[in-house]
Protein backbone atom coordinates (compact mmCIF):
# COMPACT_ATOMS: atom_id res chain seq x y z
CA MET A 1 29.04 143.03 -214.73
CA GLN A 2 27.02 140.85 -212.53
CA ARG A 3 29.83 138.02 -213.53
CA LYS A 4 32.47 140.17 -212.02
CA LYS A 5 30.56 140.57 -209.05
CA GLN A 6 29.95 137.03 -208.51
CA PHE A 7 33.68 136.31 -209.31
CA VAL A 8 34.88 139.03 -206.42
CA CYS A 9 32.38 137.53 -203.78
CA VAL A 10 33.81 134.06 -204.76
CA LEU A 11 37.04 135.46 -204.11
CA LEU A 12 36.30 137.13 -201.01
CA PHE A 13 34.83 133.97 -199.43
CA SER A 14 37.62 131.21 -200.72
CA PHE A 15 39.75 134.21 -198.73
CA CYS A 16 38.03 134.33 -195.64
CA MET A 17 37.87 130.27 -195.63
CA LEU A 18 41.80 130.00 -195.41
CA PRO A 19 43.31 129.43 -192.49
CA GLN A 20 43.21 132.20 -190.05
CA ILE A 21 47.01 132.95 -189.05
CA SER A 22 48.04 135.43 -186.70
CA THR A 23 50.05 138.90 -188.29
CA ALA A 24 52.44 138.37 -185.90
CA ALA A 25 52.98 135.01 -187.41
CA ILE A 26 53.25 135.77 -190.86
CA ASN A 27 55.37 138.58 -190.81
CA GLN A 28 58.41 137.18 -188.34
CA HIS A 29 61.40 135.46 -189.55
CA VAL A 30 62.25 132.04 -188.77
CA ASN A 31 66.59 131.88 -188.98
CA ALA A 32 67.08 129.34 -191.26
CA ARG A 33 67.16 129.88 -195.26
CA SER A 34 63.51 128.63 -195.75
CA ALA A 35 60.79 127.10 -193.93
CA VAL A 36 57.48 125.54 -194.46
CA LEU A 37 54.55 124.94 -191.35
CA LEU A 38 51.56 122.27 -192.60
CA ASP A 39 48.71 120.85 -191.28
CA VAL A 40 48.90 117.43 -192.37
CA GLU A 41 44.78 116.80 -191.43
CA ASN A 42 43.98 119.18 -194.85
CA GLY A 43 47.45 120.04 -196.24
CA SER A 44 46.97 123.78 -195.57
CA ILE A 45 50.51 125.83 -195.22
CA LEU A 46 49.92 127.53 -191.86
CA PHE A 47 53.32 129.30 -192.34
CA GLU A 48 56.31 129.72 -195.28
CA GLN A 49 59.31 131.57 -195.91
CA ASN A 50 61.04 131.48 -198.50
CA ALA A 51 59.12 127.99 -199.80
CA ASP A 52 60.50 127.58 -203.06
CA THR A 53 64.28 128.39 -203.13
CA LEU A 54 66.90 125.80 -204.24
CA ILE A 55 68.81 123.87 -201.85
CA ALA A 56 70.61 120.85 -201.20
CA PRO A 57 68.67 117.96 -199.07
CA ALA A 58 70.99 116.67 -197.89
CA SER A 59 69.81 113.46 -195.15
CA ILE A 60 66.27 114.27 -195.77
CA THR A 61 66.63 112.30 -198.99
CA LYS A 62 66.12 109.50 -197.10
CA ILE A 63 62.58 110.18 -196.61
CA LEU A 64 61.47 109.67 -199.86
CA THR A 65 63.98 106.53 -199.79
CA LEU A 66 61.71 104.85 -197.21
CA TYR A 67 58.85 105.82 -199.47
CA ILE A 68 60.26 103.63 -201.76
CA VAL A 69 61.34 100.42 -199.38
CA PHE A 70 58.08 101.12 -197.75
CA GLU A 71 56.09 100.91 -200.77
CA ALA A 72 58.01 97.79 -202.30
CA ILE A 73 57.37 95.63 -198.98
CA GLU A 74 53.48 97.06 -199.42
CA LYS A 75 53.98 95.71 -203.22
CA GLY A 76 55.37 92.46 -201.97
CA GLU A 77 58.55 93.37 -203.70
CA ALA A 78 60.57 92.75 -200.59
CA SER A 79 59.70 91.89 -197.04
CA LEU A 80 61.07 93.01 -193.54
CA SER A 81 62.57 89.44 -192.97
CA ASP A 82 64.75 89.70 -196.47
CA LYS A 83 68.45 89.12 -195.64
CA VAL A 84 70.02 91.85 -197.82
CA VAL A 85 73.63 91.54 -198.64
CA VAL A 86 75.84 94.25 -198.26
CA SER A 87 78.20 94.85 -201.08
CA SER A 88 80.98 96.19 -200.74
CA ARG A 89 79.64 99.45 -202.55
CA ALA A 90 77.61 100.06 -199.68
CA ALA A 91 80.15 98.68 -196.83
CA SER A 92 82.70 101.73 -198.02
CA THR A 93 79.93 104.45 -198.28
CA GLY A 94 80.80 107.32 -196.19
CA GLY A 95 79.36 110.09 -193.66
CA SER A 96 77.13 108.72 -191.37
CA ARG A 97 77.06 105.39 -191.38
CA MET A 98 74.99 102.17 -189.54
CA GLY A 99 78.87 100.13 -189.76
CA LEU A 100 77.93 97.58 -192.41
CA ARG A 101 80.60 95.13 -193.46
CA ALA A 102 80.85 93.91 -197.11
CA GLY A 103 79.65 89.55 -197.45
CA THR A 104 77.20 90.21 -194.44
CA PHE A 105 73.13 89.22 -194.99
CA VAL A 106 71.19 92.35 -192.72
CA PRO A 107 67.40 92.05 -192.02
CA MET A 108 65.41 94.52 -193.93
CA GLY A 109 63.69 95.80 -191.06
CA GLU A 110 67.14 96.17 -189.38
CA LEU A 111 68.32 98.26 -192.32
CA ILE A 112 64.86 100.46 -192.32
CA LYS A 113 65.86 101.79 -188.48
CA GLY A 114 69.33 102.47 -189.70
CA ILE A 115 68.34 104.52 -192.31
CA ALA A 116 65.52 106.39 -190.31
CA VAL A 117 67.57 106.62 -186.66
CA VAL A 118 71.34 106.23 -187.69
CA SER A 119 70.68 107.81 -191.27
CA GLY A 120 72.80 105.37 -192.64
CA ASN A 121 74.16 106.06 -195.51
CA ASP A 122 75.69 102.63 -196.34
CA ALA A 123 72.20 101.21 -195.22
CA CYS A 124 70.71 103.41 -198.29
CA VAL A 125 72.86 101.89 -200.74
CA ALA A 126 72.31 98.03 -199.16
CA VAL A 127 68.49 98.41 -199.95
CA ALA A 128 69.08 100.47 -203.04
CA GLU A 129 70.64 97.67 -204.29
CA HIS A 130 68.27 94.80 -202.59
CA ILE A 131 64.98 96.63 -204.30
CA SER A 132 66.22 97.80 -208.04
CA GLY A 133 69.53 95.61 -208.60
CA SER A 134 71.60 99.00 -208.92
CA VAL A 135 71.50 102.48 -207.02
CA GLU A 136 70.86 104.22 -210.34
CA ARG A 137 67.78 102.56 -211.34
CA PHE A 138 66.67 103.01 -207.81
CA VAL A 139 67.62 106.38 -208.12
CA GLY A 140 65.59 106.68 -211.19
CA ARG A 141 62.34 105.34 -209.11
CA MET A 142 62.81 107.85 -206.88
CA ASN A 143 62.86 110.54 -209.32
CA SER A 144 59.91 109.25 -210.28
CA LYS A 145 57.90 109.13 -206.97
CA ALA A 146 59.02 113.02 -207.02
CA ALA A 147 57.24 113.78 -209.86
CA GLU A 148 54.04 111.71 -209.06
CA LEU A 149 53.82 113.26 -205.48
CA GLU A 150 54.29 116.80 -207.23
CA MET A 151 57.56 118.14 -206.14
CA THR A 152 58.37 119.50 -209.17
CA ARG A 153 61.76 121.35 -208.20
CA SER A 154 63.27 118.20 -207.04
CA HIS A 155 66.07 116.16 -208.33
CA PHE A 156 67.88 113.17 -206.97
CA ILE A 157 71.09 111.98 -207.76
CA THR A 158 71.91 109.88 -204.30
CA PRO A 159 69.50 107.66 -202.22
CA ASN A 160 70.86 108.69 -199.07
CA GLY A 161 71.70 112.85 -199.39
CA LEU A 162 75.19 113.11 -199.74
CA PRO A 163 76.90 115.81 -202.00
CA ALA A 164 75.60 115.27 -205.68
CA GLU A 165 75.97 118.13 -208.21
CA GLY A 166 72.60 118.86 -209.53
CA GLN A 167 71.25 117.33 -206.23
CA VAL A 168 68.39 120.15 -205.42
CA THR A 169 65.03 119.97 -203.31
CA THR A 170 62.72 123.31 -201.87
CA ALA A 171 61.17 123.26 -198.09
CA ARG A 172 57.52 123.35 -200.11
CA ASP A 173 58.63 119.68 -201.94
CA ILE A 174 59.64 118.04 -198.37
CA ALA A 175 56.94 119.02 -196.75
CA ARG A 176 54.33 117.82 -199.48
CA LEU A 177 56.58 115.07 -199.62
CA SER A 178 56.55 113.98 -195.73
CA VAL A 179 52.89 114.80 -195.08
CA THR A 180 52.29 112.27 -197.84
CA TYR A 181 54.73 109.58 -196.28
CA LEU A 182 52.77 110.06 -193.04
CA ARG A 183 49.49 109.70 -194.35
CA ARG A 184 50.34 106.44 -196.30
CA PHE A 185 52.61 104.89 -193.80
CA PRO A 186 52.00 106.20 -190.43
CA GLU A 187 53.35 102.82 -188.75
CA SER A 188 56.78 104.11 -189.42
CA LEU A 189 56.70 106.73 -186.95
CA ALA A 190 57.10 103.91 -184.52
CA ILE A 191 60.67 103.95 -186.11
CA HIS A 192 61.43 107.31 -186.57
CA SER A 193 60.35 108.28 -182.90
CA MET A 194 63.26 106.21 -181.48
CA GLN A 195 65.62 108.12 -180.10
CA SER A 196 68.87 105.14 -180.33
CA TYR A 197 69.12 102.51 -181.90
CA THR A 198 72.31 99.75 -181.39
CA TYR A 199 73.38 97.52 -184.08
CA GLY A 200 75.93 95.36 -183.18
CA ARG A 201 78.75 96.48 -180.39
CA HIS A 202 77.52 100.62 -181.65
CA SER A 203 74.91 102.36 -180.01
CA HIS A 204 73.78 105.49 -182.54
CA HIS A 205 71.76 108.21 -181.27
CA ASN A 206 69.00 110.26 -183.12
CA ALA A 207 69.68 113.12 -184.50
CA ASN A 208 66.17 114.83 -184.03
CA ARG A 209 66.71 116.47 -180.97
CA LEU A 210 63.02 117.27 -180.59
CA LEU A 211 62.12 113.59 -179.47
CA GLY A 212 61.17 113.92 -175.87
CA LYS A 213 61.92 117.06 -175.55
CA CYS A 214 59.02 118.78 -177.62
CA LEU A 215 55.64 117.53 -176.53
CA GLY A 216 54.05 115.09 -179.16
CA VAL A 217 57.05 114.88 -181.79
CA ASP A 218 57.51 111.78 -183.05
CA GLY A 219 59.53 112.15 -186.02
CA LEU A 220 60.62 112.30 -188.65
CA LYS A 221 64.07 113.33 -190.28
CA THR A 222 67.32 115.82 -190.37
CA GLY A 223 70.04 116.05 -192.53
CA PHE A 224 73.66 118.45 -192.92
CA VAL A 225 75.70 119.08 -195.88
CA CYS A 226 77.50 122.24 -196.15
CA ALA A 227 75.89 123.14 -199.58
CA SER A 228 72.79 123.40 -197.28
CA GLY A 229 73.18 124.07 -193.57
CA TYR A 230 71.27 121.82 -191.50
CA ASN A 231 67.70 121.08 -192.19
CA ILE A 232 64.51 119.28 -190.54
CA SER A 233 61.42 117.57 -191.49
CA ALA A 234 59.96 117.87 -187.70
CA THR A 235 56.35 116.43 -186.87
CA ALA A 236 54.01 116.46 -184.03
CA LYS A 237 50.89 115.37 -182.78
CA ARG A 238 48.51 116.95 -180.02
CA ASN A 239 44.71 116.05 -179.77
CA HIS A 240 43.94 114.46 -183.23
CA THR A 241 46.18 117.05 -184.81
CA ARG A 242 49.09 116.81 -186.56
CA ILE A 243 51.47 119.48 -187.51
CA VAL A 244 54.65 119.22 -190.08
CA ALA A 245 57.50 121.77 -189.51
CA VAL A 246 60.47 122.01 -192.53
CA VAL A 247 63.54 124.34 -191.99
CA MET A 248 65.68 124.00 -194.69
CA GLY A 249 69.46 126.04 -194.09
CA ALA A 250 69.81 126.80 -190.22
CA ARG A 251 73.42 127.50 -189.02
CA ASN A 252 73.42 124.86 -186.88
CA PRO A 253 72.04 121.76 -184.94
CA TRP A 254 70.68 123.85 -182.04
CA ILE A 255 69.30 126.90 -184.18
CA ARG A 256 67.17 123.80 -186.78
CA CYS A 257 65.43 122.61 -183.50
CA SER A 258 64.83 125.57 -181.94
CA GLU A 259 63.06 126.97 -185.14
CA ALA A 260 61.42 124.13 -185.69
CA GLU A 261 59.65 123.71 -182.25
CA ARG A 262 58.35 127.07 -182.48
CA LEU A 263 57.28 126.69 -185.84
CA ILE A 264 55.60 123.53 -184.35
CA GLU A 265 54.02 125.30 -181.20
CA ALA A 266 52.88 128.59 -183.46
CA GLY A 267 50.96 125.89 -186.21
CA PHE A 268 49.08 124.29 -182.75
CA ARG A 269 48.21 127.57 -181.35
CA GLU A 270 46.56 128.66 -184.88
CA THR A 271 44.83 125.32 -185.16
CA GLY A 272 43.77 125.43 -181.54
CA ALA A 273 45.51 122.48 -180.45
CA PRO A 274 47.02 122.51 -176.82
CA TYR A 275 50.38 124.75 -176.82
CA ARG A 276 53.02 125.88 -174.74
CA ASP A 277 52.78 129.64 -174.24
CA VAL A 278 56.56 130.75 -173.86
CA LYS A 279 58.50 133.16 -176.16
CA SER A 280 59.55 130.47 -178.66
CA VAL A 281 56.12 130.62 -180.18
CA ALA A 282 56.57 134.10 -181.16
CA LEU A 283 58.23 133.31 -183.88
CA ALA A 284 60.89 136.30 -183.27
CA PRO A 285 64.20 136.15 -185.12
CA THR A 286 66.94 134.72 -182.51
CA PRO A 287 70.35 136.09 -184.16
CA LYS A 288 72.18 133.58 -181.68
CA ALA A 289 71.97 130.58 -179.94
CA LYS A 290 71.15 132.05 -176.14
CA ALA A 291 67.70 133.90 -177.80
CA ASP A 292 66.65 130.27 -177.94
CA ARG A 293 66.73 129.56 -174.03
CA PRO A 294 63.80 131.88 -172.32
CA ALA A 295 65.30 134.23 -168.90
CA GLY A 296 65.47 132.07 -166.31
CA VAL A 297 66.46 128.84 -167.44
CA LYS A 298 69.83 127.45 -167.33
CA LYS A 299 71.97 125.81 -169.95
CA ALA A 300 72.30 121.89 -169.33
CA GLY A 301 74.87 120.35 -171.59
CA LYS A 302 74.35 120.18 -174.94
CA GLY A 303 70.87 119.21 -175.05
CA ARG A 304 68.96 122.63 -174.09
CA ARG A 305 65.16 122.32 -172.90
CA ILE A 306 63.13 125.20 -174.34
CA ALA A 307 61.65 126.84 -171.16
CA HIS A 308 58.11 126.40 -169.87
CA GLY A 309 57.71 129.63 -168.48
CA PRO A 310 59.43 131.57 -165.99
CA ALA A 311 60.80 129.76 -163.04
CA LYS A 312 58.59 130.11 -160.06
CA PRO A 313 60.21 131.62 -155.86
CA PRO A 314 60.73 128.03 -153.74
CA ALA A 315 58.32 129.36 -151.26
CA LYS A 316 58.10 126.09 -148.91
CA LYS A 317 61.89 125.46 -149.22
CA ASN A 318 62.09 129.11 -148.02
CA ALA A 319 59.72 128.25 -145.16
CA LEU A 320 61.01 124.98 -144.36
CA LYS A 321 64.58 126.10 -143.77
CA LYS A 322 63.04 128.91 -141.56
CA GLY A 323 61.05 126.51 -139.32
CA ARG A 324 64.48 124.50 -139.59
CA LYS A 325 66.50 127.49 -138.05
CA THR A 326 63.81 128.36 -135.43
CA ASP A 327 64.03 124.93 -134.48
CA THR A 328 67.93 125.03 -133.93
CA VAL A 329 67.96 128.16 -131.89
CA ALA A 330 65.47 127.01 -129.48
CA LYS A 331 67.25 123.61 -129.17
CA ALA A 332 70.20 126.03 -128.49
CA ALA A 333 68.74 127.75 -125.48
CA VAL A 334 67.36 124.83 -123.95
CA LYS A 335 70.87 123.12 -123.80
CA SER A 336 72.51 126.61 -122.51
CA GLU A 337 69.78 126.64 -119.91
CA LYS A 338 70.65 122.82 -118.72
CA THR A 339 74.51 123.75 -119.20
CA ARG A 340 73.60 126.71 -116.66
CA SER A 341 71.77 124.85 -114.44
CA ARG A 342 74.14 121.96 -114.14
CA HIS A 343 76.73 124.59 -113.16
CA ALA A 344 74.48 126.27 -110.54
CA LEU A 345 74.15 123.19 -109.07
CA ALA A 346 77.98 122.04 -109.39
CA ASN A 347 78.47 125.47 -107.07
CA ASN A 348 75.97 124.85 -104.63
CA LYS A 349 77.08 121.38 -103.94
CA SER A 350 80.79 122.68 -103.64
CA LYS A 351 79.59 125.06 -100.54
CA GLU A 352 77.87 122.56 -99.01
CA ALA A 353 80.97 120.14 -98.98
CA VAL A 354 83.18 123.47 -97.11
CA LYS A 355 80.83 124.19 -94.92
CA LYS A 356 80.60 120.68 -94.05
CA SER A 357 83.99 119.67 -93.98
CA LYS A 358 84.51 122.59 -91.43
CA GLN A 359 81.92 121.35 -89.30
CA ALA A 360 83.84 117.86 -88.93
CA MET A 361 87.25 119.83 -88.19
CA ARG A 362 85.85 121.91 -85.24
CA ALA A 363 84.11 118.82 -83.78
CA GLN A 364 87.42 117.37 -83.56
CA PRO A 365 89.92 117.62 -79.96
CA ASP A 366 92.70 120.08 -79.81
CA ARG A 367 89.99 123.11 -80.76
CA ALA A 368 92.52 125.51 -79.33
CA HIS A 369 95.42 124.12 -81.60
CA ARG A 370 92.94 123.73 -84.84
CA THR A 371 91.90 127.28 -83.88
CA ALA A 372 95.57 128.36 -84.04
CA GLY A 373 96.00 126.61 -87.17
CA VAL A 374 92.95 128.48 -88.78
CA LYS A 375 94.13 131.94 -87.77
CA SER A 376 98.21 131.50 -89.10
CA CYS A 377 96.19 130.25 -92.41
CA SER A 378 94.11 132.79 -92.36
CA ALA A 379 97.14 135.63 -91.37
CA LYS A 380 99.24 134.24 -94.08
CA ALA A 381 96.10 134.46 -96.97
CA LYS A 382 95.75 138.15 -95.76
CA THR A 383 99.71 139.04 -95.92
CA GLY A 384 100.44 136.76 -99.50
CA GLY A 385 101.83 133.71 -97.76
CA SER A 386 104.42 131.35 -99.76
CA ALA A 387 103.09 129.77 -103.09
CA LEU A 388 103.42 126.36 -101.01
CA GLY A 389 101.00 127.21 -98.66
CA LYS A 390 98.34 128.42 -100.99
CA ARG A 391 98.70 125.08 -102.98
CA ASN A 392 98.42 123.09 -99.63
CA GLY A 393 95.54 125.01 -98.89
CA GLU A 394 94.24 124.20 -102.13
CA HIS A 395 94.89 120.55 -102.15
CA SER A 396 93.38 120.05 -98.87
CA LYS A 397 90.32 122.17 -99.40
CA THR A 398 90.08 119.50 -102.97
CA ALA A 399 90.51 116.66 -100.91
CA SER A 400 88.23 117.09 -98.68
CA VAL A 401 85.72 118.27 -100.75
CA LYS A 402 86.57 115.38 -102.69
CA LYS A 403 86.56 112.82 -99.85
CA HIS A 404 82.95 113.80 -98.42
CA HIS A 405 81.18 114.29 -102.38
CA LYS A 406 83.00 111.64 -104.44
CA GLY A 407 80.08 112.00 -107.26
CA VAL A 408 80.64 115.91 -107.58
CA THR A 409 82.45 116.86 -110.43
CA HIS A 410 84.33 120.31 -110.12
CA ALA A 411 82.64 123.21 -111.56
CA HIS A 412 85.65 124.26 -114.07
CA ASP A 413 85.43 121.08 -115.49
CA GLN A 414 81.90 121.02 -115.62
CA LYS A 415 82.72 124.18 -117.75
CA LYS A 416 85.14 123.46 -120.27
CA ARG A 417 82.72 120.24 -120.54
CA ALA A 418 79.83 122.51 -121.77
CA ASN A 419 82.32 124.85 -123.83
CA GLY A 420 83.76 121.50 -125.22
């Protein structure tokens, strides 16, 4: 009886020592066929969903291929400077390609970049033949290494993940492979983190869209075949904490990346490392691609950035616009006041000119004749005289103003200029 009590106590203590994960994270569903979240430092599983479901590995197979290549270089069986001859079998391999030509010699270092970044199926065949002499022997070495790493439910038939009957793996096995690979060859992340790679005349973009978009992500590998869907093994590091998230069987590449990112953020939250407190961390179901984008964030082309939070109102811009509007109104008022002043000045000058003209006319001889002429004009104006008389009177008046005040502009012209 006492032994049973001790056994129960040990079990309870072990359970308490397990990584504490919120029930919200455990009970939620990742929008993919299977998923696993691991802490690389201690290998503890932070989250899993159908982790042992058999699924085609696709190009994630290349992680194991690169493991064999780096191990061969470590043992001296090959080197980064080796000139690898490209066979016709390698050059004719379909699917995603690096663009190798039969009969050419390519450095091993370039082939590794072609496998990690471009996901070149042709490069995998080339390195397999160079290291093991044939693709079949290399694949046998891959399966031996998988058994050594306790990938008990995995079996490989091709070095590149191209569809083959009987080639299967699980999310748990891929997570275990990824953790071991990162621990043994951490320098490989310098290649896996490359967002693009150019070989010859062709530039290729890394299919891992989390690079440069999710903080700390620096690897690892993506894959796709019709039998499985879209797969990814993603890793990120923040504050000495490294997380590996494996998502297998997503419906499209956007869901693949968004689900992996949500797992990564949840993992950092649970381990105490910095994380982004956005809706995507909650591991909520995302039936549509639009659900991956929080409200207030617009879609920007194919590469969609996940929101860091709700958009803030541009208070400074509004204040600046108001200030500019006030300045414009004030300037308009000043301009209008100046225009009115010019009009008033012009009118005053015109009146003074007319007055002086009359005084000059009175000072001339033949005052009686001038008076009679003025009365006659006045009478015509009152009785509605001929149009010719009116025009002549206006002409003489204007001529008189212009004669004595050559520099004064007519008030009507001033008004037209101001309005224009």
